[in-house]
Structure formats: C-alpha cells, structure tokens
C-alpha cells in the first residue's frame, strides 16, 4: 500500500528537484509544475497529495533562470576540448543544482556537494560521480 505524503524531507526535495531538472533538460518546453507532479507521482511508494512543494518549485525555477550562468561556471572546469554540450543530462542537472544551491542558498557548500554525490550514486556510474565530484569541488571550494 502506498504511503500518503504531503511533505518532503530535504533529500527527497533535492531528488525531486534533480529529477524535474533532468526531465526539463530532455524536454525544455515542458511546464515545471506538470513535470514536478509527474516526478512526485512516479514513486510507487508515494501518493502525492495537495499542493506542490513550493521550495522545490522555487529551486527548480531558480536553477532554470540561472542556467546560462551555471553552465558557464561548469564550462570553466571542463577539460580542454570539452564543451557543455558533450555532458550527459544527468550529470549536468546534478551539477547545476549543486552549484546553485552552494552559491545562492543557505545550503553549506559541502552539503550541496555531498547531496549531489549521493544522488549521483543513485542515478549515475562511478566515472560520472568522480567527474561530478571534481567539478563541484573546483566550483564550490576554490576561491572565486
């Protein structure tokens, strides 16, 4: 029997934001609210009830609004010959989310990195995790 939910813990909220950003990366013209509702309803253990979590909507909207700036920052840490277009959508969504959180919210930078790596553990492979870790450490821990 599915659990009924009306709130998310921080990790669940980050995962919902990441999955929404991933879906929007594949279908950029989709509506954020529609995609988020699909993400929240996609877990067979969760039956989403009520309004969408505003903190997740706000986070996804902010990452999308700052996407060009975030991509420029990510590009600064790519190897020679690599461009943002060569990155897979999963890695890109995780890095955008973590960099935005670490630089523009009250989330401590080390927490943003660790959360991204935890999500990477669930959604990517070892090579991607290492790559994400390297980029985020440079973007969030080196002096800007």
Foldseek 3Di string as FASTA:
>chain_A
DADEDADDDPLRLLLLLLQLQLVCVVVVVDDSLVSSQCSQCVDRNYDYDDDDDVVSVVLNVVLVVCVVVQLVLLQVPDDPPDHPVPDHSNLSSLSSSLLCCCPPHPDPSVNSLVSSLVVCVVPHDPVSSVVSNSSSCCSRPDDD
